[in-house]
Protein backbone atom coordinates (compact mmCIF):
# COMPACT_ATOMS: atom_id res chain seq x y z
CA MET A 1 -113.96 -44.89 -143.11
CA THR A 2 -113.82 -40.98 -143.10
CA THR A 3 -110.44 -41.26 -141.53
CA LEU A 4 -109.28 -43.39 -144.43
CA LEU A 5 -110.53 -40.65 -146.94
CA ASN A 6 -108.75 -37.95 -145.11
CA THR A 7 -105.54 -39.94 -144.94
CA PHE A 8 -105.59 -41.06 -148.70
CA GLU A 9 -106.22 -37.46 -149.77
CA ALA A 10 -103.35 -36.08 -147.55
CA GLU A 11 -100.93 -38.83 -148.76
CA PHE A 12 -101.81 -38.51 -152.36
CA ARG A 13 -101.31 -34.73 -152.18
CA VAL A 14 -97.93 -35.22 -150.62
CA ARG A 15 -96.85 -37.60 -153.34
CA LEU A 16 -98.12 -35.36 -155.99
CA LEU A 17 -96.02 -32.43 -154.54
CA ASP A 18 -93.06 -34.78 -154.34
CA VAL A 19 -93.27 -35.22 -158.06
CA ILE A 20 -93.68 -31.52 -158.67
CA TYR A 21 -90.61 -30.67 -156.35
CA ARG A 22 -88.42 -33.21 -158.07
CA GLN A 23 -89.28 -31.85 -161.46
CA TRP A 24 -88.53 -28.24 -160.46
CA ARG A 25 -85.29 -29.42 -158.86
CA ASP A 26 -84.20 -30.96 -162.24
CA LEU A 27 -85.00 -27.69 -163.88
CA GLY A 28 -82.60 -25.96 -161.54
CA SER A 29 -84.68 -24.83 -158.65
CA PRO A 30 -83.17 -25.11 -155.18
CA PHE A 31 -85.20 -27.96 -153.67
CA SER A 32 -83.45 -30.08 -151.16
CA LEU A 33 -85.19 -33.47 -151.39
CA GLY A 34 -82.58 -36.04 -150.41
CA ASN A 35 -81.02 -38.50 -152.74
CA HIS A 36 -83.41 -40.11 -155.32
CA PRO A 37 -82.48 -41.92 -158.57
CA ALA A 38 -82.60 -39.73 -161.66
CA PRO A 39 -86.09 -39.77 -163.07
CA THR A 40 -86.44 -41.37 -166.53
CA GLU A 41 -89.59 -39.30 -167.39
CA VAL A 42 -89.30 -36.26 -169.64
CA ILE A 43 -90.46 -33.05 -168.00
CA ASP A 44 -93.04 -30.99 -169.79
CA PRO A 45 -92.41 -27.45 -168.40
CA GLU A 46 -95.77 -26.12 -169.35
CA ALA A 47 -97.66 -28.98 -167.74
CA LEU A 48 -95.50 -28.62 -164.65
CA LEU A 49 -96.21 -24.95 -164.44
CA TRP A 50 -99.92 -25.36 -164.88
CA CYS A 51 -100.07 -28.07 -162.25
CA SER A 52 -97.96 -25.97 -159.70
CA LEU A 53 -100.42 -23.10 -159.94
CA GLU A 54 -102.94 -25.40 -158.02
CA PHE A 55 -100.74 -25.31 -154.96
CA ILE A 56 -98.96 -21.97 -154.78
CA ALA A 57 -101.62 -20.40 -152.48
CA THR A 58 -100.48 -22.87 -149.69
CA ASP A 59 -96.87 -23.44 -150.52
CA ALA A 60 -94.66 -20.34 -150.33
CA ARG A 61 -91.53 -22.23 -151.57
CA LEU A 62 -93.42 -23.38 -154.65
CA LEU A 63 -94.77 -19.98 -155.20
CA GLU A 64 -91.37 -18.54 -155.14
CA THR A 65 -89.95 -21.28 -157.44
CA VAL A 66 -92.75 -20.65 -160.04
CA LEU A 67 -92.20 -16.90 -160.12
CA GLU A 68 -88.37 -17.15 -160.24
CA TRP A 69 -88.29 -19.75 -162.91
CA PHE A 70 -90.96 -18.13 -165.04
CA ASP A 71 -89.28 -14.78 -164.94
CA SER A 72 -85.87 -16.29 -165.81
CA ASN A 73 -86.99 -18.71 -168.47
CA LYS A 74 -89.97 -16.96 -170.14
CA SER A 75 -88.58 -17.34 -173.58
CA SER A 76 -88.33 -21.14 -173.03
CA LEU A 77 -92.01 -21.49 -172.47
CA ILE A 78 -94.64 -22.09 -175.14
CA GLN A 79 -97.32 -19.83 -173.75
CA GLN A 80 -99.98 -20.81 -176.29
CA ARG A 81 -100.08 -24.17 -174.69
CA LEU A 82 -101.20 -22.56 -171.39
CA ASN A 83 -103.40 -19.99 -173.04
CA GLY A 84 -105.30 -22.82 -174.63
CA ARG A 85 -106.11 -24.38 -171.31
CA SER A 86 -107.63 -21.30 -169.80
CA ALA A 87 -111.49 -21.43 -168.86
CA ASP A 88 -113.86 -19.18 -167.12
CA ASN A 89 -114.30 -21.56 -164.19
CA GLU A 90 -110.60 -22.42 -163.83
CA PRO A 91 -108.96 -20.26 -161.17
CA ARG A 92 -105.50 -21.12 -162.47
CA SER A 93 -106.42 -19.34 -165.69
CA LEU A 94 -106.47 -16.07 -163.58
CA LEU A 95 -103.07 -16.94 -161.99
CA TRP A 96 -101.54 -17.75 -165.40
CA GLN A 97 -102.82 -14.31 -166.76
CA ALA A 98 -101.36 -12.54 -163.82
CA LEU A 99 -98.05 -14.36 -164.17
CA SER A 100 -97.87 -13.36 -167.93
CA ASN A 101 -98.46 -9.77 -167.07
CA LYS A 102 -102.05 -9.54 -167.97
CA ALA A 103 -104.35 -7.28 -165.85
CA VAL A 104 -106.76 -9.53 -163.92
CA SER A 105 -108.79 -9.56 -160.68
CA GLY A 106 -110.44 -12.45 -158.92
CA GLU A 107 -112.57 -10.56 -156.61
CA ASP A 108 -115.79 -10.29 -158.75
CA SER A 109 -115.57 -13.77 -160.24
CA GLU A 110 -118.98 -15.34 -160.27
CA MET A 111 -117.61 -18.55 -161.54
CA PHE A 112 -115.11 -18.96 -158.64
CA GLN A 113 -113.84 -22.37 -158.00
CA PRO A 114 -111.52 -23.10 -155.01
CA LEU A 115 -107.83 -23.78 -155.37
CA ASP A 116 -105.82 -25.86 -152.92
CA GLY A 117 -106.33 -23.97 -149.60
CA LEU A 118 -108.00 -21.12 -151.29
CA GLU A 119 -111.70 -20.80 -150.49
CA SER A 120 -112.83 -17.37 -151.48
CA PRO A 121 -112.72 -14.86 -154.31
CA ALA A 122 -110.92 -12.49 -151.97
CA GLY A 123 -108.25 -14.94 -151.26
CA LEU A 124 -107.76 -15.47 -154.95
CA ALA A 125 -107.61 -11.73 -155.50
CA ASP A 126 -104.94 -11.39 -152.91
CA LEU A 127 -102.82 -14.21 -154.54
CA ILE A 128 -103.34 -12.56 -157.95
CA ALA A 129 -101.97 -9.25 -156.54
CA LYS A 130 -98.93 -11.05 -155.09
CA VAL A 131 -98.14 -12.56 -158.40
CA THR A 132 -98.81 -9.39 -160.32
CA ASN A 133 -96.72 -7.20 -158.07
CA ARG A 134 -93.85 -9.50 -157.70
CA SER A 135 -90.27 -8.13 -157.79
CA ARG A 136 -88.38 -8.97 -161.02
CA GLY A 137 -84.77 -8.48 -159.94
CA VAL A 138 -81.73 -10.63 -160.57
CA SER A 139 -81.78 -12.38 -157.15
CA GLY A 140 -84.26 -15.01 -158.24
CA ALA A 141 -82.23 -15.96 -161.27
CA GLU A 142 -79.13 -16.20 -159.23
CA ARG A 143 -80.79 -18.92 -156.95
CA LEU A 144 -81.51 -21.08 -160.00
CA GLY A 145 -78.96 -23.75 -160.76
CA ARG A 146 -78.26 -25.52 -163.92
CA PRO A 147 -80.84 -28.09 -165.23
CA ARG A 148 -80.01 -31.63 -164.66
CA ARG A 149 -78.45 -33.40 -167.61
CA GLY A 150 -80.50 -36.42 -168.20
CA SER A 151 -83.80 -37.81 -169.58
CA SER A 152 -85.86 -35.44 -167.43
CA THR A 153 -84.73 -32.23 -169.29
CA LEU A 154 -84.56 -33.66 -172.90
CA LEU A 155 -87.48 -31.66 -174.02
CA LEU A 156 -85.78 -28.39 -172.94
CA ARG A 157 -82.44 -29.40 -174.53
CA ALA A 158 -84.33 -30.12 -177.76
CA ARG A 159 -86.05 -26.74 -177.45
CA ASP A 160 -82.82 -25.08 -177.04
CA LEU A 161 -81.49 -26.80 -180.13
CA LEU A 162 -84.38 -26.33 -182.49
CA GLY A 163 -86.48 -23.52 -180.93
CA PRO A 164 -89.87 -23.61 -179.32
CA ASP A 165 -91.92 -24.85 -182.25
CA ILE A 166 -93.32 -28.17 -183.20
CA ARG A 167 -90.01 -29.59 -184.49
CA HIS A 168 -88.63 -30.22 -180.92
CA PHE A 169 -91.86 -32.14 -179.86
CA LEU A 170 -91.57 -34.29 -182.94
CA LEU A 171 -87.91 -35.08 -182.36
CA VAL A 172 -88.37 -35.99 -178.64
CA TYR A 173 -91.29 -38.14 -179.57
CA LEU A 174 -89.31 -40.04 -182.17
CA LEU A 175 -86.36 -40.48 -179.95
CA SER A 176 -88.61 -42.11 -177.35
CA ASN A 177 -90.10 -44.27 -180.01
CA PRO A 178 -87.11 -45.66 -181.99
CA GLY A 179 -89.42 -47.82 -184.03
CA GLY A 180 -91.45 -44.78 -185.08
CA GLY A 181 -94.84 -43.41 -184.11
CA ARG A 182 -98.01 -41.62 -185.21
CA LEU A 183 -97.92 -37.92 -186.15
CA ARG A 184 -101.47 -37.67 -184.62
CA THR A 185 -99.94 -38.54 -181.29
CA VAL A 186 -97.50 -35.77 -181.42
CA GLN A 187 -100.39 -33.31 -182.33
CA ARG A 188 -102.44 -34.35 -179.25
CA TRP A 189 -99.45 -34.13 -176.93
CA SER A 190 -98.05 -30.90 -178.10
CA GLY A 191 -101.29 -28.97 -178.60
CA PHE A 192 -100.11 -27.93 -182.06
CA THR A 193 -102.21 -28.48 -185.13
CA TYR A 194 -102.05 -31.73 -187.05
CA ARG A 195 -101.31 -29.60 -190.19
CA GLY A 196 -98.29 -27.98 -188.53
CA VAL A 197 -96.84 -31.35 -187.31
CA SER A 198 -97.44 -33.01 -190.73
CA GLU A 199 -95.77 -30.12 -192.57
CA ALA A 200 -92.72 -30.15 -190.18
CA ALA A 201 -92.32 -33.92 -190.65
CA LYS A 202 -92.70 -33.51 -194.49
CA ARG A 203 -89.92 -30.89 -194.54
CA TRP A 204 -87.73 -33.31 -192.67
CA THR A 205 -88.25 -35.96 -195.34
CA PHE A 206 -86.66 -33.61 -197.79
CA ALA A 207 -83.46 -33.54 -195.59
CA ASP A 208 -83.75 -37.37 -195.26
CA ILE A 209 -84.23 -36.91 -191.41
CA VAL A 210 -87.44 -39.03 -191.24
CA SER A 211 -89.44 -41.33 -193.34
CA ILE A 212 -93.28 -41.02 -193.37
CA ASP A 213 -95.87 -43.66 -194.35
CA HIS A 214 -99.53 -42.72 -193.97
CA GLY A 215 -99.00 -40.67 -190.86
CA PHE A 216 -96.38 -43.06 -189.38
CA CYS A 217 -93.08 -41.33 -188.89
CA GLN A 218 -89.59 -42.71 -188.11
CA LEU A 219 -86.18 -41.09 -187.66
CA ASN A 220 -83.79 -42.43 -190.28
CA ASN A 221 -80.66 -41.90 -188.15
CA PRO A 222 -81.75 -41.87 -184.36
CA GLN A 223 -78.25 -42.56 -183.18
CA ALA A 224 -76.92 -39.14 -184.42
CA TRP A 225 -79.72 -37.29 -182.54
CA THR A 226 -79.26 -39.62 -179.44
CA GLU A 227 -75.63 -38.52 -179.29
CA LEU A 228 -76.33 -34.87 -179.95
CA LEU A 229 -78.91 -34.60 -177.19
CA GLN A 230 -77.38 -37.10 -174.93
CA ARG A 231 -80.53 -39.23 -174.77
CA GLN A 232 -80.55 -41.67 -171.95
CA GLU A 233 -81.56 -45.25 -171.86
CA ASN A 234 -85.00 -46.15 -170.31
CA LEU A 235 -86.43 -42.78 -171.56
CA VAL A 236 -90.16 -42.47 -170.83
CA LEU A 237 -92.40 -39.91 -172.39
CA ILE A 238 -95.47 -39.12 -170.28
CA ASP A 239 -98.48 -36.98 -171.19
CA TRP A 240 -97.97 -34.85 -168.04
CA PHE A 241 -101.04 -32.62 -168.79
CA ARG A 242 -103.25 -35.76 -168.58
CA CYS A 243 -101.44 -37.11 -165.51
CA PHE A 244 -101.50 -33.86 -163.60
CA ASP A 245 -104.99 -32.91 -164.56
CA ALA A 246 -106.22 -36.26 -163.36
CA SER A 247 -104.36 -35.89 -160.12
CA ILE A 248 -105.84 -32.41 -159.40
CA ARG A 249 -109.32 -33.46 -160.42
CA LEU A 250 -108.99 -36.26 -157.78
CA LEU A 251 -107.92 -33.85 -155.06
CA ARG A 252 -110.74 -31.51 -155.85
CA ASN A 253 -113.28 -34.27 -156.12
CA LEU A 254 -112.22 -35.74 -152.71
CA ALA A 255 -112.35 -32.23 -151.11
CA GLN A 256 -115.96 -31.95 -152.34
CA ALA A 257 -116.78 -35.45 -151.18
CA LYS A 258 -115.60 -34.59 -147.65
CA LEU A 259 -117.81 -31.39 -147.66
CA ARG A 260 -120.76 -33.74 -148.50
CA ASN A 261 -119.69 -36.15 -145.72
CA LEU A 262 -119.25 -39.09 -148.21
CA SER A 263 -117.62 -42.15 -146.71
CA TRP A 264 -114.64 -43.99 -148.00
CA ASP A 265 -116.74 -46.97 -149.09
CA ASN A 266 -119.15 -44.66 -151.13
CA PRO A 267 -119.14 -45.91 -154.83
CA VAL A 268 -118.63 -42.21 -155.94
CA ILE A 269 -115.25 -42.19 -154.16
CA ALA A 270 -114.32 -45.49 -155.91
CA THR A 271 -115.14 -43.84 -159.23
CA PHE A 272 -113.02 -40.90 -158.56
CA MET A 273 -110.07 -43.05 -157.71
CA ARG A 274 -110.53 -45.40 -160.55
CA GLU A 275 -110.72 -42.54 -163.06
CA ALA A 276 -107.58 -40.93 -161.68
CA HIS A 277 -105.65 -44.20 -161.50
CA ASP A 278 -106.66 -45.14 -165.08
CA ALA A 279 -105.35 -41.70 -166.29
CA ILE A 280 -102.18 -41.73 -164.40
CA SER A 281 -101.40 -45.43 -165.38
CA ALA A 282 -102.13 -44.94 -169.03
CA PRO A 283 -99.49 -46.14 -171.47
CA PRO A 284 -96.81 -43.64 -172.01
CA LEU A 285 -96.32 -41.80 -175.33
CA GLY A 286 -92.93 -43.44 -175.55
CA GLY A 287 -90.95 -45.92 -173.41
CA LEU A 288 -92.07 -48.29 -170.82
CA LEU A 289 -94.36 -47.45 -167.91
CA SER A 290 -92.31 -49.95 -165.75
CA ASN A 291 -89.44 -47.54 -166.10
CA ALA A 292 -91.23 -44.38 -164.86
CA SER A 293 -90.26 -43.90 -161.31
CA LEU A 294 -92.39 -40.74 -160.66
CA ILE A 295 -95.50 -42.33 -162.08
CA ALA A 296 -94.81 -45.30 -159.84
CA HIS A 297 -94.51 -43.03 -156.86
CA LEU A 298 -98.08 -41.77 -157.49
CA LEU A 299 -99.60 -45.18 -158.20
CA ASP A 300 -98.17 -46.78 -155.24
CA VAL A 301 -100.62 -44.95 -152.91
CA PHE A 302 -103.50 -46.54 -154.87
CA SER A 303 -102.19 -50.02 -154.28
CA LYS A 304 -101.68 -49.33 -150.57
CA TYR A 305 -105.20 -48.12 -150.06
CA ASP A 306 -106.64 -50.91 -152.10
CA LEU A 307 -105.14 -53.27 -149.48
CA ILE A 308 -106.60 -51.23 -146.68
CA LEU A 309 -110.02 -51.23 -148.22
CA ALA A 310 -109.91 -54.97 -148.81
CA ALA A 311 -109.16 -55.47 -145.18
CA HIS A 312 -112.50 -53.69 -144.27
């Protein structure tokens, strides 16, 4: 049973990194991953960066990708979304501060929590120093290619068109929900205030871009925006912060379970897995979950181990 726990943890970690690598490749990073169908899920660059920070201590290629992409695309990031996720007991907060050129040190952290493969405050301090003292030449930018043209980069294309404010979130959400949707959902997904979302939508009503009825909003001419942004069919809008956070929480919980010598059939393990599965398989913000190939890649490992567990 302990072997099953180790195997599941390792396989889930590999699949999560697969998803991370594929998204970075679609953003132009030089990952060679073989031929995969173009994903239909829209990349959230802030969620991708936040998740990637969990693994950069043990993945030199991912560390290089994060540093190069951030330094080349800093203006494309909405840093307040990441600032808002910082917490005293979250080691990624220190890495984010180092990445965004704030002076930090992990050596004296009394609230230290381990990252993937990083077990001590001294190790965290070394990684922070590596991030802080990175070179910022042009060589990294030259290694980055052009982002994929497709569903996965729709949010960034909308950001290029409208700027890094609430309007591009609103537009992508409405494009993924042709029948309209709730402004409150845009607020929760984007991290902006509801007042900001509501005021942006209200201004669009004056230009006859959207119609609003008691917080329900709909594009009046979605076809024009579809052509402008080259929206693809089968577009799926995922709350990647929710999905990635649930995945990392599962890996951290399983690591703690192994330290406590919990067995695979312990009900605590089942609770960890069920909570992660429910978060990852939650209905998307737009589109159909059945069209979400990256989500299916993560969920498949749960199905596989359900069968193994049933056989025991």
